[in-house]
């Protein structure tokens, strides 16, 4: 009888966990969509770290930008040095500002090279 009560009380917790995971997935997808369309700057996301990006890998966030693949991401992170699976929320302030400034300079370089 005790085992049945334990299983019954665990089910709502499972459902809450699944609902929370789904909420995070949907919020991340929306964030990545906004980054891809240029509505949100990645450097801003890294500096301010919204809740949906807190447990997201830095490489996943960087690759959500247009024209950013695994190679470009690795090259940028190797300059810091920072591992690809590091989460945005676990970055130190120093790492955040260093990466944000590198991203800003990369965007300036790209904009100046595409302008005639």
N, C-alpha and C. Protein backbone atom coordinates (compact mmCIF):
# COMPACT_ATOMS: atom_id res chain seq x y z
N UNK A 1 0.82 -1.18 0.00
CA UNK A 1 0.00 0.00 0.00
C UNK A 1 0.87 1.26 0.00
N UNK A 2 1.96 1.21 0.70
CA UNK A 2 2.86 2.35 0.77
C UNK A 2 3.50 2.63 -0.59
N UNK A 3 3.84 1.59 -1.36
CA UNK A 3 4.45 1.77 -2.68
C UNK A 3 3.49 2.45 -3.64
N UNK A 4 2.22 2.13 -3.55
CA UNK A 4 1.21 2.75 -4.41
C UNK A 4 1.11 4.24 -4.12
N UNK A 5 1.14 4.61 -2.88
CA UNK A 5 1.05 6.02 -2.51
C UNK A 5 2.27 6.79 -3.01
N UNK A 6 3.44 6.16 -2.98
CA UNK A 6 4.66 6.80 -3.46
C UNK A 6 4.60 7.01 -4.97
N UNK A 7 4.13 6.03 -5.71
CA UNK A 7 4.03 6.14 -7.16
C UNK A 7 3.02 7.22 -7.54
N UNK A 8 1.91 7.24 -6.87
CA UNK A 8 0.87 8.22 -7.18
C UNK A 8 1.35 9.65 -6.91
N UNK A 9 2.14 9.85 -5.87
CA UNK A 9 2.61 11.20 -5.57
C UNK A 9 3.77 11.62 -6.48
N UNK A 10 4.49 10.66 -7.06
CA UNK A 10 5.60 10.98 -7.94
C UNK A 10 5.11 11.41 -9.32
N UNK A 11 3.97 10.94 -9.73
CA UNK A 11 3.47 11.25 -11.07
C UNK A 11 3.26 12.76 -11.28
N UNK A 12 2.64 13.49 -10.39
CA UNK A 12 2.51 14.93 -10.62
C UNK A 12 3.86 15.65 -10.72
N UNK A 13 4.83 15.19 -9.96
CA UNK A 13 6.15 15.80 -10.04
C UNK A 13 6.76 15.55 -11.42
N UNK A 14 6.58 14.32 -11.93
CA UNK A 14 7.05 14.02 -13.28
C UNK A 14 6.40 14.93 -14.30
N UNK A 15 5.12 15.10 -14.18
CA UNK A 15 4.38 15.93 -15.13
C UNK A 15 4.83 17.40 -15.04
N UNK A 16 5.09 17.85 -13.83
CA UNK A 16 5.58 19.23 -13.67
C UNK A 16 6.95 19.38 -14.30
N UNK A 17 7.81 18.38 -14.13
CA UNK A 17 9.14 18.43 -14.72
C UNK A 17 9.07 18.42 -16.24
N UNK A 18 8.19 17.60 -16.79
CA UNK A 18 8.02 17.56 -18.24
C UNK A 18 7.47 18.89 -18.77
N UNK A 19 6.54 19.46 -18.05
CA UNK A 19 5.97 20.75 -18.46
C UNK A 19 7.04 21.84 -18.42
N UNK A 20 7.87 21.83 -17.40
CA UNK A 20 8.95 22.82 -17.28
C UNK A 20 9.97 22.64 -18.40
N UNK A 21 10.34 21.39 -18.69
CA UNK A 21 11.29 21.12 -19.77
C UNK A 21 10.73 21.59 -21.11
N UNK A 22 9.45 21.37 -21.33
CA UNK A 22 8.83 21.82 -22.57
C UNK A 22 8.82 23.35 -22.65
N UNK A 23 8.55 24.00 -21.54
CA UNK A 23 8.55 25.46 -21.49
C UNK A 23 9.93 26.01 -21.85
N UNK A 24 10.98 25.40 -21.30
CA UNK A 24 12.35 25.84 -21.58
C UNK A 24 12.69 25.60 -23.05
N UNK A 25 12.31 24.43 -23.59
CA UNK A 25 12.58 24.13 -25.00
C UNK A 25 11.92 25.15 -25.93
N UNK A 26 10.67 25.45 -25.65
CA UNK A 26 9.95 26.41 -26.49
C UNK A 26 10.56 27.81 -26.39
N UNK A 27 10.95 28.21 -25.18
CA UNK A 27 11.56 29.53 -24.99
C UNK A 27 12.91 29.62 -25.70
N UNK A 28 13.70 28.53 -25.64
CA UNK A 28 14.99 28.53 -26.33
C UNK A 28 14.81 28.58 -27.83
N UNK A 29 13.84 27.85 -28.33
CA UNK A 29 13.57 27.86 -29.77
C UNK A 29 13.21 29.27 -30.23
N UNK A 30 12.39 29.95 -29.44
CA UNK A 30 12.01 31.32 -29.77
C UNK A 30 13.21 32.26 -29.72
N UNK A 31 14.06 32.09 -28.70
CA UNK A 31 15.27 32.91 -28.59
C UNK A 31 16.18 32.68 -29.79
N UNK A 32 16.38 31.42 -30.17
CA UNK A 32 17.24 31.10 -31.31
C UNK A 32 16.66 31.67 -32.61
N UNK A 33 15.33 31.64 -32.73
CA UNK A 33 14.67 32.21 -33.90
C UNK A 33 14.90 33.73 -33.97
N UNK A 34 14.77 34.40 -32.83
CA UNK A 34 14.98 35.85 -32.79
C UNK A 34 16.43 36.20 -33.10
N UNK A 35 17.36 35.39 -32.63
CA UNK A 35 18.78 35.61 -32.93
C UNK A 35 19.03 35.40 -34.42
N UNK A 36 18.46 34.35 -35.00
CA UNK A 36 18.67 34.05 -36.41
C UNK A 36 18.14 35.16 -37.31
N UNK A 37 17.04 35.79 -36.93
CA UNK A 37 16.47 36.87 -37.74
C UNK A 37 17.06 38.23 -37.40
N UNK A 38 18.00 38.28 -36.47
CA UNK A 38 18.68 39.53 -36.13
C UNK A 38 17.88 40.45 -35.23
N UNK A 39 16.84 39.95 -34.60
CA UNK A 39 16.03 40.77 -33.70
C UNK A 39 16.68 40.92 -32.34
N UNK A 40 17.54 39.95 -31.98
CA UNK A 40 18.25 39.97 -30.70
C UNK A 40 19.72 39.76 -30.98
N UNK A 41 20.57 40.55 -30.34
CA UNK A 41 22.01 40.43 -30.50
C UNK A 41 22.55 39.37 -29.54
N UNK A 42 23.39 38.48 -30.06
CA UNK A 42 23.94 37.40 -29.24
C UNK A 42 24.79 37.96 -28.10
N UNK A 43 25.54 39.01 -28.36
CA UNK A 43 26.37 39.61 -27.31
C UNK A 43 25.50 40.08 -26.16
N UNK A 44 24.34 40.62 -26.47
CA UNK A 44 23.41 41.08 -25.45
C UNK A 44 22.87 39.90 -24.62
N UNK A 45 22.58 38.81 -25.29
CA UNK A 45 22.10 37.60 -24.60
C UNK A 45 23.17 37.07 -23.66
N UNK A 46 24.40 37.07 -24.12
CA UNK A 46 25.51 36.55 -23.30
C UNK A 46 25.73 37.43 -22.08
N UNK A 47 25.69 38.74 -22.25
CA UNK A 47 25.93 39.65 -21.12
C UNK A 47 24.78 39.61 -20.11
N UNK A 48 23.55 39.64 -20.59
CA UNK A 48 22.39 39.71 -19.69
C UNK A 48 21.87 38.36 -19.24
N UNK A 49 22.15 37.30 -19.96
CA UNK A 49 21.80 35.91 -19.63
C UNK A 49 20.35 35.76 -19.17
N UNK A 50 19.39 35.81 -20.10
CA UNK A 50 18.00 35.57 -19.73
C UNK A 50 17.80 34.14 -19.26
N UNK A 51 16.71 33.88 -18.57
CA UNK A 51 16.49 32.57 -17.95
C UNK A 51 16.52 31.45 -18.97
N UNK A 52 16.03 31.67 -20.19
CA UNK A 52 15.99 30.60 -21.17
C UNK A 52 17.38 30.24 -21.70
N UNK A 53 18.34 31.15 -21.59
CA UNK A 53 19.70 30.88 -22.05
C UNK A 53 20.62 30.42 -20.93
N UNK A 54 20.15 30.42 -19.71
CA UNK A 54 21.01 30.13 -18.55
C UNK A 54 21.68 28.76 -18.65
N UNK A 55 20.96 27.72 -19.04
CA UNK A 55 21.55 26.38 -19.12
C UNK A 55 21.83 25.96 -20.57
N UNK A 56 21.85 26.91 -21.47
CA UNK A 56 22.11 26.65 -22.89
C UNK A 56 23.61 26.69 -23.15
N UNK A 57 24.10 25.79 -24.00
CA UNK A 57 25.51 25.78 -24.35
C UNK A 57 25.85 27.03 -25.16
N UNK A 58 27.02 27.60 -24.90
CA UNK A 58 27.46 28.80 -25.60
C UNK A 58 27.52 28.53 -27.10
N UNK A 59 28.04 27.36 -27.48
CA UNK A 59 28.14 27.04 -28.90
C UNK A 59 26.77 26.96 -29.56
N UNK A 60 25.79 26.45 -28.87
CA UNK A 60 24.43 26.36 -29.41
C UNK A 60 23.88 27.77 -29.68
N UNK A 61 24.14 28.67 -28.77
CA UNK A 61 23.68 30.05 -28.94
C UNK A 61 24.40 30.72 -30.10
N UNK A 62 25.71 30.55 -30.18
CA UNK A 62 26.49 31.16 -31.26
C UNK A 62 26.06 30.63 -32.63
N UNK A 63 25.82 29.33 -32.70
CA UNK A 63 25.46 28.73 -33.99
C UNK A 63 24.03 29.04 -34.41
N UNK A 64 23.26 29.65 -33.56
CA UNK A 64 21.91 30.03 -33.96
C UNK A 64 21.92 31.29 -34.82
N UNK A 65 23.08 31.97 -34.89
CA UNK A 65 23.22 33.13 -35.75
C UNK A 65 23.34 32.68 -37.20
N UNK A 66 22.92 33.53 -38.10
CA UNK A 66 23.08 33.22 -39.53
C UNK A 66 24.57 33.21 -39.87
N UNK A 67 24.94 32.29 -40.73
CA UNK A 67 26.30 32.13 -41.22
C UNK A 67 27.30 31.68 -40.15
N UNK A 68 26.80 31.14 -39.04
CA UNK A 68 27.67 30.64 -37.99
C UNK A 68 27.52 29.13 -37.91
N UNK A 69 28.61 28.45 -38.18
CA UNK A 69 28.61 27.00 -38.08
C UNK A 69 29.55 26.56 -36.97
N UNK A 70 29.78 25.27 -36.94
CA UNK A 70 30.62 24.70 -35.87
C UNK A 70 32.07 25.20 -35.97
N UNK A 71 32.59 25.32 -37.18
CA UNK A 71 33.99 25.74 -37.35
C UNK A 71 34.20 27.18 -36.88
N UNK A 72 33.32 28.07 -37.30
CA UNK A 72 33.44 29.48 -36.89
C UNK A 72 33.29 29.62 -35.38
N UNK A 73 32.38 28.86 -34.82
CA UNK A 73 32.16 28.88 -33.38
C UNK A 73 33.40 28.39 -32.63
N UNK A 74 33.96 27.28 -33.09
CA UNK A 74 35.17 26.72 -32.44
C UNK A 74 36.34 27.69 -32.49
N UNK A 75 36.51 28.34 -33.64
CA UNK A 75 37.62 29.29 -33.78
C UNK A 75 37.48 30.46 -32.81
N UNK A 76 36.27 30.95 -32.67
CA UNK A 76 36.05 32.07 -31.75
C UNK A 76 36.27 31.64 -30.30
N UNK A 77 35.71 30.50 -29.92
CA UNK A 77 35.84 30.05 -28.54
C UNK A 77 37.27 29.64 -28.19
N UNK A 78 38.05 29.21 -29.19
CA UNK A 78 39.44 28.85 -28.95
C UNK A 78 40.28 30.07 -28.59
N UNK A 79 39.86 31.25 -29.02
CA UNK A 79 40.60 32.46 -28.72
C UNK A 79 40.47 32.87 -27.26
N UNK A 80 39.44 32.40 -26.56
CA UNK A 80 39.21 32.86 -25.18
C UNK A 80 40.09 32.20 -24.13
N UNK A 81 40.36 31.02 -23.97
CA UNK A 81 39.81 29.75 -24.43
C UNK A 81 38.59 29.35 -23.60
N UNK A 82 37.62 28.77 -24.29
CA UNK A 82 36.39 28.34 -23.64
C UNK A 82 35.90 27.07 -24.35
N UNK A 83 35.39 26.12 -23.59
CA UNK A 83 34.90 24.90 -24.21
C UNK A 83 33.51 25.12 -24.79
N UNK A 84 33.19 24.37 -25.84
CA UNK A 84 31.91 24.52 -26.52
C UNK A 84 30.70 24.18 -25.64
N UNK A 85 30.76 23.12 -24.84
CA UNK A 85 29.57 22.79 -24.04
C UNK A 85 29.35 23.66 -22.80
N UNK A 86 30.23 24.62 -22.57
CA UNK A 86 30.05 25.50 -21.40
C UNK A 86 28.72 26.23 -21.52
N UNK A 87 28.01 26.31 -20.43
CA UNK A 87 26.71 26.96 -20.47
C UNK A 87 26.86 28.47 -20.28
N UNK A 88 25.90 29.20 -20.81
CA UNK A 88 25.92 30.65 -20.72
C UNK A 88 25.84 31.08 -19.25
N UNK A 89 25.04 30.39 -18.46
CA UNK A 89 24.88 30.73 -17.05
C UNK A 89 26.11 30.47 -16.20
N UNK A 90 26.99 29.57 -16.64
CA UNK A 90 28.18 29.25 -15.85
C UNK A 90 29.38 30.12 -16.21
N UNK A 91 29.21 31.03 -17.15
CA UNK A 91 30.32 31.91 -17.53
C UNK A 91 30.55 32.97 -16.45
N UNK A 92 31.81 33.34 -16.27
CA UNK A 92 32.13 34.42 -15.35
C UNK A 92 31.86 35.74 -16.05
N UNK A 93 31.79 36.82 -15.29
CA UNK A 93 31.58 38.14 -15.88
C UNK A 93 32.70 38.49 -16.86
N UNK A 94 33.90 38.12 -16.49
CA UNK A 94 35.05 38.39 -17.36
C UNK A 94 34.90 37.67 -18.70
N UNK A 95 34.49 36.40 -18.66
CA UNK A 95 34.27 35.63 -19.89
C UNK A 95 33.13 36.22 -20.71
N UNK A 96 32.07 36.64 -20.04
CA UNK A 96 30.91 37.23 -20.74
C UNK A 96 31.33 38.47 -21.53
N UNK A 97 32.02 39.39 -20.86
CA UNK A 97 32.39 40.64 -21.52
C UNK A 97 33.45 40.42 -22.59
N UNK A 98 34.35 39.47 -22.38
CA UNK A 98 35.36 39.18 -23.40
C UNK A 98 34.70 38.61 -24.65
N UNK A 99 33.78 37.67 -24.48
CA UNK A 99 33.09 37.07 -25.62
C UNK A 99 32.20 38.10 -26.31
N UNK A 100 31.52 38.93 -25.53
CA UNK A 100 30.65 39.95 -26.12
C UNK A 100 31.47 40.95 -26.94
N UNK A 101 32.63 41.35 -26.45
CA UNK A 101 33.45 42.29 -27.21
C UNK A 101 34.01 41.63 -28.47
N UNK A 102 34.35 40.36 -28.39
CA UNK A 102 34.84 39.65 -29.58
C UNK A 102 33.72 39.53 -30.62
N UNK A 103 32.51 39.27 -30.17
CA UNK A 103 31.37 39.18 -31.09
C UNK A 103 31.10 40.54 -31.74
N UNK A 104 31.19 41.59 -30.97
CA UNK A 104 30.96 42.94 -31.51
C UNK A 104 32.00 43.29 -32.55
N UNK A 105 33.26 42.95 -32.29
CA UNK A 105 34.32 43.25 -33.26
C UNK A 105 34.18 42.37 -34.50
N UNK A 106 33.70 41.14 -34.34
CA UNK A 106 33.46 40.25 -35.47
C UNK A 106 32.36 40.81 -36.36
N UNK A 107 31.31 41.34 -35.74
CA UNK A 107 30.22 41.93 -36.51
C UNK A 107 30.69 43.17 -37.25
N UNK A 108 31.52 44.00 -36.61
CA UNK A 108 32.04 45.19 -37.27
C UNK A 108 32.91 44.79 -38.47
N UNK A 109 33.77 43.78 -38.29
CA UNK A 109 34.63 43.32 -39.37
C UNK A 109 33.81 42.79 -40.54
N UNK A 110 32.75 42.04 -40.23
CA UNK A 110 31.89 41.47 -41.26
C UNK A 110 31.13 42.58 -42.00
N UNK A 111 30.66 43.56 -41.26
CA UNK A 111 29.91 44.67 -41.88
C UNK A 111 30.83 45.51 -42.79
N UNK A 112 32.05 45.74 -42.36
CA UNK A 112 32.96 46.56 -43.17
C UNK A 112 33.44 45.80 -44.41
N UNK A 113 33.51 44.47 -44.34
CA UNK A 113 33.97 43.70 -45.51
C UNK A 113 32.87 43.52 -46.55
N UNK A 114 31.60 43.62 -46.14
CA UNK A 114 30.50 43.47 -47.09
C UNK A 114 30.06 44.79 -47.68
N UNK A 115 30.48 45.91 -47.11
CA UNK A 115 30.11 47.22 -47.62
C UNK A 115 31.07 47.61 -48.74
N UNK A 116 30.56 48.08 -49.91
CA UNK A 116 31.45 48.44 -51.02
C UNK A 116 32.30 49.64 -50.76
